[in-house]
């Protein structure tokens, strides 16, 4: 019985270490979601420097999450949020579409974050139209369509790419709505 007790204690120590690593990963994940959201808010408010600072802070946290691949499943949402903020920044301020390599997240976080970016672009498109900037609105629309067209043929089971099909449907609806907004403001 003593041998079994020692073995269970050894297992418990290893599990406690894994629990501690998981708790840290989840703390980083919550921080990453919060900071990415703050960056996006700054972008919508036209505060490029503040947005960039938040993105750099988010990148440092994301890199700590990436270092723990055993918890990817649990931290995927935060990596998607980071991808969305990074891609949105690239389009809004740098006027370029960032690749997965540029963003530095796993493939599924990138492609889901990319689809979420469509919503941010729609918001910017509407804001541009409200300010009478049709050229900028059109630029956002073109980016929305580019994202959707590039991902149109992506079809995988929910178990392989969770949430993606729903995001595709939402993006399609947002693009159709954006096209109506542009036509209404000609």
Protein backbone atom coordinates (compact mmCIF):
# COMPACT_ATOMS: atom_id res chain seq x y z
CA UNK A 1 0.00 0.00 0.00
CA UNK A 2 2.88 2.43 0.71
CA UNK A 3 4.15 1.95 -2.84
CA UNK A 4 0.75 2.88 -4.27
CA UNK A 5 0.53 5.92 -2.00
CA UNK A 6 3.98 7.15 -3.17
CA UNK A 7 2.97 6.64 -6.79
CA UNK A 8 -0.24 8.63 -6.30
CA UNK A 9 1.68 11.41 -4.55
CA UNK A 10 4.12 11.56 -7.48
CA UNK A 11 1.24 11.72 -9.95
CA UNK A 12 -0.46 14.41 -7.86
CA UNK A 13 2.69 16.54 -7.86
CA UNK A 14 2.91 16.33 -11.65
CA UNK A 15 -0.78 17.16 -12.01
CA UNK A 16 -0.42 20.08 -9.60
CA UNK A 17 2.40 21.47 -11.76
CA UNK A 18 0.23 21.04 -14.86
CA UNK A 19 -2.70 22.71 -13.07
CA UNK A 20 -0.44 25.64 -12.18
CA UNK A 21 0.72 25.96 -15.81
CA UNK A 22 -2.91 25.80 -16.97
CA UNK A 23 -3.97 28.50 -14.50
CA UNK A 24 -1.19 30.77 -15.76
CA UNK A 25 -2.17 30.10 -19.39
CA UNK A 26 -5.79 30.99 -18.62
CA UNK A 27 -4.70 34.20 -16.85
CA UNK A 28 -2.66 35.14 -19.91
CA UNK A 29 -5.60 34.22 -22.13
CA UNK A 30 -8.00 36.52 -20.24
CA UNK A 31 -5.45 39.35 -20.36
CA UNK A 32 -4.93 38.82 -24.07
CA UNK A 33 -8.67 39.06 -24.82
CA UNK A 34 -8.96 42.24 -22.75
CA UNK A 35 -5.93 43.95 -24.29
CA UNK A 36 -6.85 42.95 -27.86
CA UNK A 37 -10.33 44.41 -27.28
CA UNK A 38 -8.78 47.63 -25.96
CA UNK A 39 -6.60 47.81 -29.06
CA UNK A 40 -9.63 47.39 -31.33
CA UNK A 41 -11.51 50.09 -29.42
CA UNK A 42 -8.56 52.44 -29.90
CA UNK A 43 -8.51 51.61 -33.61
CA UNK A 44 -12.19 52.45 -33.98
CA UNK A 45 -11.55 55.71 -32.15
CA UNK A 46 -8.70 56.58 -34.52
CA UNK A 47 -6.05 56.31 -31.80
CA UNK A 48 -3.36 54.58 -33.82
CA UNK A 49 -0.49 54.93 -31.34
CA UNK A 50 -2.54 53.69 -28.38
CA UNK A 51 -3.80 50.78 -30.50
CA UNK A 52 -0.25 49.93 -31.53
CA UNK A 53 0.95 49.97 -27.90
CA UNK A 54 -1.87 47.65 -26.87
CA UNK A 55 -1.07 45.32 -29.77
CA UNK A 56 2.57 45.14 -28.73
CA UNK A 57 1.52 44.37 -25.17
CA UNK A 58 -0.90 41.73 -26.49
CA UNK A 59 1.84 40.22 -28.66
CA UNK A 60 4.09 39.69 -25.63
CA UNK A 61 1.26 37.92 -23.81
CA UNK A 62 0.32 35.89 -26.88
CA UNK A 63 3.90 34.68 -27.21
CA UNK A 64 3.71 33.34 -23.66
CA UNK A 65 0.52 31.49 -24.57
CA UNK A 66 2.11 30.07 -27.73
CA UNK A 67 4.90 28.70 -25.55
CA UNK A 68 2.36 26.35 -23.94
CA UNK A 69 0.91 24.40 -26.90
CA UNK A 70 -0.64 21.80 -24.60
CA UNK A 71 -3.30 24.41 -23.73
CA UNK A 72 -4.06 25.65 -27.27
CA UNK A 73 -7.61 24.32 -27.13
CA UNK A 74 -8.33 26.39 -24.03
CA UNK A 75 -6.56 29.54 -25.23
CA UNK A 76 -7.67 29.48 -28.87
CA UNK A 77 -10.30 32.20 -28.39
CA UNK A 78 -7.73 34.63 -27.06
CA UNK A 79 -5.39 33.91 -29.96
CA UNK A 80 -8.29 34.54 -32.35
CA UNK A 81 -8.91 37.90 -30.67
CA UNK A 82 -5.25 38.79 -31.04
CA UNK A 83 -5.32 37.74 -34.71
CA UNK A 84 -8.43 39.84 -35.31
CA UNK A 85 -6.85 42.92 -33.71
CA UNK A 86 -3.59 42.45 -35.64
CA UNK A 87 -5.29 41.91 -38.99
CA UNK A 88 -7.63 44.85 -38.42
CA UNK A 89 -4.70 47.12 -37.53
CA UNK A 90 -2.88 46.03 -40.68
CA UNK A 91 -5.85 46.87 -42.88
CA UNK A 92 -6.89 50.09 -41.14
CA UNK A 93 -3.53 51.76 -40.58
CA UNK A 94 -0.92 49.94 -42.66
CA UNK A 95 -3.34 49.31 -45.56
CA UNK A 96 -2.18 45.72 -45.92
CA UNK A 97 -3.52 42.24 -45.25
CA UNK A 98 -1.36 40.41 -42.74
CA UNK A 99 -0.51 36.76 -43.32
CA UNK A 100 -0.66 34.08 -40.64
CA UNK A 101 3.10 34.28 -40.39
CA UNK A 102 2.89 38.05 -39.85
CA UNK A 103 0.40 37.55 -37.03
CA UNK A 104 2.22 34.58 -35.50
CA UNK A 105 -0.70 32.44 -34.35
CA UNK A 106 -1.78 28.88 -35.18
CA UNK A 107 -3.69 28.34 -38.42
CA UNK A 108 -7.14 27.94 -36.85
CA UNK A 109 -6.72 31.06 -34.69
CA UNK A 110 -5.66 33.02 -37.76
CA UNK A 111 -8.49 31.95 -40.05
CA UNK A 112 -11.15 32.46 -37.36
CA UNK A 113 -9.65 35.82 -36.41
CA UNK A 114 -9.62 36.76 -40.08
CA UNK A 115 -13.36 36.07 -40.33
CA UNK A 116 -14.03 38.14 -37.20
CA UNK A 117 -12.17 41.04 -38.79
CA UNK A 118 -14.98 41.37 -41.33
CA UNK A 119 -17.23 42.75 -38.59
CA UNK A 120 -14.67 45.36 -37.57
CA UNK A 121 -14.28 46.40 -41.20
CA UNK A 122 -18.05 46.74 -41.56
CA UNK A 123 -18.10 49.07 -38.57
CA UNK A 124 -15.35 51.19 -40.14
CA UNK A 125 -17.16 51.19 -43.47
CA UNK A 126 -20.34 52.54 -41.87
CA UNK A 127 -18.34 55.15 -39.96
CA UNK A 128 -16.56 56.22 -43.15
CA UNK A 129 -19.88 56.61 -44.94
CA UNK A 130 -21.29 58.64 -42.07
CA UNK A 131 -18.35 61.02 -42.48
CA UNK A 132 -18.85 61.17 -46.25
CA UNK A 133 -15.64 59.29 -47.05
CA UNK A 134 -16.87 56.94 -49.76
CA UNK A 135 -13.38 56.08 -50.95
CA UNK A 136 -12.37 54.78 -47.51
CA UNK A 137 -15.67 52.90 -47.18
CA UNK A 138 -14.99 51.22 -50.51
CA UNK A 139 -11.49 50.24 -49.34
CA UNK A 140 -12.98 48.52 -46.29
CA UNK A 141 -15.57 46.81 -48.46
CA UNK A 142 -12.89 45.49 -50.81
CA UNK A 143 -10.99 44.04 -47.82
CA UNK A 144 -14.17 42.39 -46.52
CA UNK A 145 -14.80 40.76 -49.89
CA UNK A 146 -11.15 39.73 -50.22
CA UNK A 147 -11.31 37.90 -46.89
CA UNK A 148 -14.60 36.22 -47.73
CA UNK A 149 -13.55 35.19 -51.23
CA UNK A 150 -10.25 33.77 -49.99
CA UNK A 151 -12.05 31.65 -47.39
CA UNK A 152 -15.18 30.77 -49.38
CA UNK A 153 -14.01 27.22 -50.20
CA UNK A 154 -12.84 26.40 -46.67
CA UNK A 155 -15.07 23.57 -45.45
CA UNK A 156 -14.12 21.45 -42.46
CA UNK A 157 -15.98 19.67 -39.72
CA UNK A 158 -16.77 21.64 -36.58
CA UNK A 159 -14.38 19.37 -34.67
CA UNK A 160 -11.52 20.41 -36.98
CA UNK A 161 -12.26 24.13 -37.25
CA UNK A 162 -14.72 25.09 -34.51
CA UNK A 163 -17.00 28.04 -35.20
CA UNK A 164 -15.75 28.72 -38.69
CA UNK A 165 -18.88 27.94 -40.69
CA UNK A 166 -20.97 30.22 -38.52
CA UNK A 167 -18.37 32.96 -38.92
CA UNK A 168 -18.52 32.52 -42.70
CA UNK A 169 -22.29 32.93 -42.63
CA UNK A 170 -22.03 36.04 -40.46
CA UNK A 171 -19.35 37.51 -42.74
CA UNK A 172 -21.52 36.92 -45.82
CA UNK A 173 -24.44 38.72 -44.18
CA UNK A 174 -22.17 41.61 -43.14
CA UNK A 175 -20.81 41.93 -46.68
CA UNK A 176 -24.30 41.97 -48.16
CA UNK A 177 -25.34 44.62 -45.65
CA UNK A 178 -22.19 46.64 -46.39
CA UNK A 179 -22.91 46.53 -50.12
CA UNK A 180 -26.39 47.90 -49.41
CA UNK A 181 -24.91 50.70 -47.30
CA UNK A 182 -22.53 51.67 -50.09
CA UNK A 183 -25.32 51.66 -52.69
CA UNK A 184 -27.54 53.72 -50.42
CA UNK A 185 -24.78 56.33 -50.06
CA UNK A 186 -23.87 56.75 -53.74
